[in-house]
Amino acid sequence: MIVTPALRHPLRRFATRSGERVIDFDRRIAVMAIVNRTPDSFFDRGATFALDKAVASAVAAADAGADWVDIGGAKFAPGPEIEAAEELDRVLPVVTALAGASDVVISVDTFRASVAAACLAAGAHVVNDTTGLSDPEMAVAVAVGGGSLVVTHSLAEPRTPYPRPHYDDVVDEVRAFLVERVERAVDAGVAESALYIDPGHDLNKNTLHSLELTRRFDEIASIGLPALAAVSNKDFVGESLDAAKPDRLEGSLVAATVCAMLGARIVRMHDVAASVASMRMLETVLGFRQPSFLSHNV
């Protein structure tokens, strides 16, 4: 099954150093690259914690065809408290450097309104809040800063455990949560045309929950805002395949492709080159774009 969601605001514009970047989500499945300035990130385990490596990775992702780069300084998973000043010190220099070097869309992965506001002022376009507006000032900060906002489903307080999550129907409950949080963001002043939604694969969910969200992603996409699938190398992929973290690329690409065929319009991925090739091929199969060239049997 292929689902083309009826998006209310498919055309999104982002101011960049050289003018404007436009993404038409009726015709594009954007690849969001991941750059973590954390020593304990779940996948790369601090490979881009050093500032020079983080900036180089961000620029390389843009050069490799990523539409979007997501920069984080505090992982979602439980762990020691990271003060706002330290988080900002991690992400702000990367945002500033990337905004000066590339026209890629830049998001900051944070649950703090203060960090979001500073990064928007420095050139970030989007705030990727994986805690579903846990900070009551977040939506206001995004509205005042003129940015966009990814509203994600999760249940735990930031960086705290949430053992044995239970849902009567995970898709229905996630969908209702997202609709309510979108309304909350709009009431705080964020334009609906600046909002994105993410069902939060693996975030306070077990593997069966994440698989159900994947196979029923069309119900999330039917909300009518561009939907993000953050599936790359996650534990539901590893548990499905009995695959260690370094061996989850193929499973991640399949999960991302399934979500995209069911209406996802952004996929958040670690391996940029493989993901870009996969999404451009899918767009071509779906008729969103033309082949790069024609020579076979022509």
Protein backbone atom coordinates (compact mmCIF):
# COMPACT_ATOMS: atom_id res chain seq x y z
CA MET A 1 0.00 0.00 0.00
CA ILE A 2 1.18 3.50 -0.85
CA VAL A 3 -0.28 6.46 1.02
CA THR A 4 -0.02 10.06 -0.12
CA PRO A 5 -1.10 12.10 2.89
CA ALA A 6 -3.33 15.11 2.40
CA LEU A 7 -0.98 17.69 3.86
CA ARG A 8 -2.49 21.01 4.79
CA HIS A 9 0.82 22.87 4.48
CA PRO A 10 3.14 20.82 2.23
CA LEU A 11 5.33 23.70 1.04
CA ARG A 12 7.86 24.79 3.68
CA ARG A 13 10.38 27.63 3.33
CA PHE A 14 13.55 28.09 5.36
CA ALA A 15 15.73 31.22 5.29
CA THR A 16 19.38 30.34 4.65
CA ARG A 17 22.71 32.11 4.18
CA SER A 18 22.17 32.35 0.41
CA GLY A 19 18.45 33.06 0.39
CA GLU A 20 15.86 30.35 0.88
CA ARG A 21 15.50 26.59 0.89
CA VAL A 22 12.10 25.25 -0.14
CA ILE A 23 10.85 21.72 0.52
CA ASP A 24 7.60 20.53 -1.03
CA PHE A 25 6.55 17.60 1.13
CA ASP A 26 4.04 16.54 -1.50
CA ARG A 27 7.07 15.64 -3.66
CA ARG A 28 9.93 15.11 -1.23
CA ILE A 29 10.84 12.61 1.46
CA ALA A 30 13.46 14.57 3.34
CA VAL A 31 16.46 12.89 4.93
CA MET A 32 17.30 14.28 8.36
CA ALA A 33 20.90 13.54 9.34
CA ILE A 34 21.89 13.10 12.98
CA VAL A 35 24.77 14.85 14.72
CA ASN A 36 25.08 14.31 18.47
CA ARG A 37 27.47 16.30 20.65
CA THR A 38 27.05 13.85 23.48
CA PRO A 39 29.61 11.44 24.93
CA ASP A 40 26.92 8.80 25.48
CA SER A 41 24.74 8.88 22.36
CA PHE A 42 23.02 5.54 21.93
CA PHE A 43 24.48 4.74 18.49
CA ASP A 44 27.77 6.52 17.84
CA ARG A 45 28.88 6.59 21.51
CA GLY A 46 30.46 10.01 21.32
CA ALA A 47 32.06 9.85 17.86
CA THR A 48 31.02 13.45 17.17
CA PHE A 49 31.30 14.81 20.70
CA ALA A 50 34.36 16.92 19.90
CA LEU A 51 33.35 20.26 18.38
CA ASP A 52 35.49 19.91 15.26
CA LYS A 53 34.12 16.44 14.58
CA ALA A 54 30.55 17.56 15.12
CA VAL A 55 30.89 20.48 12.71
CA ALA A 56 32.68 18.32 10.13
CA SER A 57 30.00 15.65 10.40
CA ALA A 58 27.22 18.20 9.98
CA VAL A 59 28.81 19.78 6.91
CA ALA A 60 29.58 16.35 5.44
CA ALA A 61 25.96 15.28 5.90
CA ALA A 62 24.76 18.35 4.00
CA ASP A 63 27.31 17.72 1.26
CA ALA A 64 26.14 14.09 1.03
CA GLY A 65 22.62 15.22 0.20
CA ALA A 66 20.86 15.45 3.55
CA ASP A 67 17.95 17.87 3.40
CA TRP A 68 18.10 18.50 7.11
CA VAL A 69 20.63 18.13 9.95
CA ASP A 70 19.48 17.54 13.52
CA ILE A 71 21.95 18.61 16.23
CA GLY A 72 21.60 17.33 19.77
CA GLY A 73 23.44 17.92 23.02
CA ALA A 74 21.47 15.76 25.47
CA LYS A 75 20.13 12.34 24.59
CA PHE A 76 16.52 11.36 25.29
CA ALA A 77 17.38 8.22 27.23
CA PRO A 78 17.74 8.27 31.04
CA GLY A 79 21.01 9.61 32.35
CA PRO A 80 22.64 12.25 34.56
CA GLU A 81 21.28 15.76 34.48
CA ILE A 82 22.87 18.04 31.88
CA GLU A 83 22.58 21.69 32.79
CA ALA A 84 21.07 24.02 30.20
CA ALA A 85 24.31 26.00 29.93
CA GLU A 86 26.29 22.86 29.14
CA GLU A 87 23.74 21.67 26.59
CA LEU A 88 23.80 25.06 24.89
CA ASP A 89 27.59 25.08 24.88
CA ARG A 90 27.47 21.78 23.02
CA VAL A 91 24.94 22.62 20.32
CA LEU A 92 25.17 26.36 19.70
CA PRO A 93 28.66 26.38 18.08
CA VAL A 94 27.59 23.59 15.71
CA VAL A 95 24.43 25.42 14.72
CA THR A 96 26.38 28.63 14.14
CA ALA A 97 29.08 26.93 12.07
CA LEU A 98 26.63 24.95 9.95
CA ALA A 99 24.38 27.96 9.31
CA GLY A 100 27.42 29.81 8.00
CA ALA A 101 28.59 26.95 5.79
CA SER A 102 25.47 25.42 4.29
CA ASP A 103 21.89 25.99 3.15
CA VAL A 104 20.71 22.77 4.78
CA VAL A 105 17.72 22.88 7.13
CA ILE A 106 19.01 22.88 10.71
CA SER A 107 17.16 21.62 13.74
CA VAL A 108 18.21 21.44 17.36
CA ASP A 109 17.17 18.39 19.34
CA THR A 110 16.27 19.83 22.74
CA PHE A 111 13.48 19.85 25.30
CA ARG A 112 14.53 23.20 26.82
CA ALA A 113 12.94 26.45 25.70
CA SER A 114 16.07 28.45 26.57
CA VAL A 115 18.29 26.28 24.39
CA ALA A 116 15.75 26.38 21.58
CA ALA A 117 15.53 30.18 21.67
CA ALA A 118 19.30 30.65 21.52
CA CYS A 119 19.71 28.20 18.66
CA LEU A 120 16.88 29.73 16.62
CA ALA A 121 18.55 33.12 17.03
CA ALA A 122 21.84 31.59 15.80
CA GLY A 123 20.40 30.19 12.58
CA ALA A 124 18.53 26.99 13.42
CA HIS A 125 15.21 26.65 11.61
CA VAL A 126 13.49 23.95 13.65
CA VAL A 127 13.25 22.71 17.22
CA ASN A 128 13.00 18.93 17.48
CA ASP A 129 11.43 18.36 20.90
CA THR A 130 11.37 14.64 21.64
CA THR A 131 9.54 15.20 24.93
CA GLY A 132 6.29 16.51 23.47
CA LEU A 133 6.42 20.01 24.95
CA SER A 134 7.46 18.96 28.45
CA ASP A 135 8.77 22.50 28.92
CA PRO A 136 5.64 24.69 29.09
CA GLU A 137 7.61 27.58 27.58
CA MET A 138 8.82 25.65 24.53
CA ALA A 139 6.01 26.48 22.12
CA VAL A 140 6.15 30.16 23.05
CA ALA A 141 9.92 30.21 22.51
CA VAL A 142 9.50 28.70 19.05
CA ALA A 143 6.73 31.14 18.17
CA VAL A 144 8.71 34.17 19.34
CA GLY A 145 11.84 32.89 17.60
CA GLY A 146 10.03 32.44 14.31
CA GLY A 147 10.98 28.79 14.07
CA SER A 148 9.31 25.51 13.30
CA LEU A 149 8.61 22.72 15.77
CA VAL A 150 8.60 18.93 15.68
CA VAL A 151 6.05 17.64 18.17
CA THR A 152 6.99 14.14 19.30
CA HIS A 153 5.12 11.56 21.34
CA SER A 154 6.79 10.47 24.56
CA LEU A 155 5.55 10.07 28.11
CA ALA A 156 8.48 10.26 30.53
CA GLU A 157 9.95 13.36 32.06
CA PRO A 158 13.21 14.25 30.30
CA ARG A 159 16.02 11.76 30.89
CA THR A 160 14.00 9.60 33.30
CA PRO A 161 13.06 5.91 33.03
CA TYR A 162 9.60 4.76 31.94
CA PRO A 163 9.62 1.00 32.43
CA ARG A 164 7.07 -1.40 30.93
CA PRO A 165 5.01 1.10 28.91
CA HIS A 166 1.42 0.02 28.30
CA TYR A 167 -1.04 1.12 25.64
CA ASP A 168 -4.49 -0.26 24.88
CA ASP A 169 -3.96 0.82 21.27
CA VAL A 170 -0.59 2.47 20.78
CA VAL A 171 -1.43 4.10 17.44
CA ASP A 172 -4.72 5.57 18.62
CA GLU A 173 -3.15 6.88 21.80
CA VAL A 174 -0.09 8.33 20.08
CA ARG A 175 -2.27 9.97 17.45
CA ALA A 176 -4.53 11.56 20.07
CA PHE A 177 -1.49 12.84 21.99
CA LEU A 178 -0.03 14.44 18.86
CA VAL A 179 -3.31 16.11 17.93
CA GLU A 180 -3.61 17.57 21.43
CA ARG A 181 -0.01 18.81 21.50
CA VAL A 182 -0.37 20.36 18.05
CA GLU A 183 -3.39 22.27 19.35
CA ARG A 184 -1.37 23.34 22.38
CA ALA A 185 1.44 24.64 20.15
CA VAL A 186 -0.99 26.54 17.92
CA ASP A 187 -2.66 28.08 20.98
CA ALA A 188 0.81 29.26 22.10
CA GLY A 189 1.35 31.05 18.80
CA VAL A 190 3.15 28.54 16.57
CA ALA A 191 1.64 28.60 13.09
CA GLU A 192 0.22 25.24 12.03
CA SER A 193 2.30 25.64 8.87
CA ALA A 194 5.43 25.51 11.06
CA LEU A 195 4.59 22.20 12.74
CA TYR A 196 5.74 18.62 12.18
CA ILE A 197 4.75 15.44 14.02
CA ASP A 198 6.72 12.38 15.14
CA PRO A 199 5.15 9.28 16.75
CA GLY A 200 8.39 8.63 18.62
CA HIS A 201 9.49 5.13 17.69
CA ASP A 202 11.02 3.42 20.77
CA LEU A 203 10.44 6.48 22.97
CA ASN A 204 8.66 5.00 26.00
CA LYS A 205 7.57 2.14 23.76
CA ASN A 206 8.64 -1.45 23.35
CA THR A 207 9.46 -3.19 20.08
CA LEU A 208 5.91 -4.40 19.48
CA HIS A 209 4.64 -0.84 19.92
CA SER A 210 7.20 0.53 17.46
CA LEU A 211 6.39 -2.15 14.90
CA GLU A 212 2.68 -1.35 15.20
CA LEU A 213 3.41 2.34 14.66
CA THR A 214 5.45 1.44 11.58
CA ARG A 215 2.79 -0.75 9.95
CA ARG A 216 0.05 1.78 10.75
CA PHE A 217 2.05 4.93 10.04
CA ASP A 218 -0.68 6.10 7.66
CA GLU A 219 -2.88 6.77 10.69
CA ILE A 220 -0.25 9.16 12.03
CA ALA A 221 0.26 10.80 8.64
CA SER A 222 -3.49 11.36 8.34
CA ILE A 223 -3.19 14.15 10.91
CA GLY A 224 -2.21 16.23 7.88
CA LEU A 225 1.15 17.66 8.94
CA PRO A 226 4.51 16.40 7.63
CA ALA A 227 5.33 13.33 9.71
CA LEU A 228 8.81 12.31 10.79
CA ALA A 229 9.94 8.69 11.19
CA ALA A 230 12.94 8.44 13.52
CA VAL A 231 13.76 4.77 13.05
CA SER A 232 17.49 4.64 12.42
CA ASN A 233 19.34 1.85 14.26
CA LYS A 234 16.75 1.78 17.01
CA ASP A 235 16.22 -1.13 19.34
CA PHE A 236 13.03 -2.26 17.63
CA VAL A 237 15.14 -2.85 14.52
CA GLY A 238 17.80 -4.67 16.52
CA GLU A 239 15.30 -6.85 18.37
CA SER A 240 13.42 -7.64 15.16
CA LEU A 241 16.59 -8.89 13.46
CA ASP A 242 18.72 -9.94 16.44
CA ALA A 243 21.19 -7.34 15.16
CA ALA A 244 23.76 -5.38 17.11
CA LYS A 245 23.83 -1.61 16.61
CA PRO A 246 26.50 -1.67 13.88
CA ASP A 247 24.42 -4.18 11.89
CA ARG A 248 21.07 -2.39 11.67
CA LEU A 249 21.45 -0.38 8.46
CA GLU A 250 19.40 -2.64 6.21
CA GLY A 251 16.63 -2.98 8.77
CA SER A 252 16.62 0.77 9.34
CA LEU A 253 16.29 1.47 5.62
CA VAL A 254 13.39 -0.97 5.32
CA ALA A 255 11.63 0.59 8.32
CA ALA A 256 12.16 4.09 6.92
CA THR A 257 10.89 3.03 3.49
CA VAL A 258 7.76 1.42 4.94
CA CYS A 259 7.02 4.57 6.92
CA ALA A 260 7.60 6.73 3.84
CA MET A 261 5.29 4.56 1.73
CA LEU A 262 2.67 5.03 4.45
CA GLY A 263 3.03 8.80 4.50
CA ALA A 264 6.18 9.80 6.39
CA ARG A 265 7.79 12.81 4.77
CA ILE A 266 10.97 13.05 6.87
CA VAL A 267 13.20 10.15 7.89
CA ARG A 268 15.80 10.69 10.62
CA MET A 269 18.83 8.55 9.74
CA HIS A 270 22.46 7.97 10.69
CA ASP A 271 23.81 6.73 7.34
CA VAL A 272 23.21 9.73 5.13
CA ALA A 273 24.44 8.40 1.78
CA ALA A 274 22.45 5.16 1.95
CA SER A 275 19.35 6.96 3.19
CA VAL A 276 19.50 9.68 0.53
CA ALA A 277 19.86 7.08 -2.21
CA SER A 278 16.97 5.06 -0.80
CA MET A 279 14.60 8.02 -0.51
CA ARG A 280 15.50 9.44 -3.93
CA MET A 281 14.83 6.00 -5.45
CA LEU A 282 11.53 5.75 -3.62
CA GLU A 283 10.54 9.22 -4.84
CA THR A 284 11.35 8.14 -8.39
CA VAL A 285 9.29 4.96 -8.10
CA LEU A 286 6.38 6.99 -6.70
CA GLY A 287 6.66 9.51 -9.55
CA PHE A 288 7.66 12.42 -7.31
CA ARG A 289 10.84 12.99 -9.33
CA GLN A 290 12.24 12.03 -12.71
CA PRO A 291 15.23 9.71 -13.12
CA SER A 292 18.56 11.53 -13.11
CA PHE A 293 19.13 10.41 -16.71
CA LEU A 294 17.78 7.99 -19.32
CA SER A 295 19.96 5.77 -21.51
CA HIS A 296 18.85 2.16 -21.04
CA ASN A 297 16.98 0.97 -24.16
CA VAL A 298 16.44 4.54 -25.30
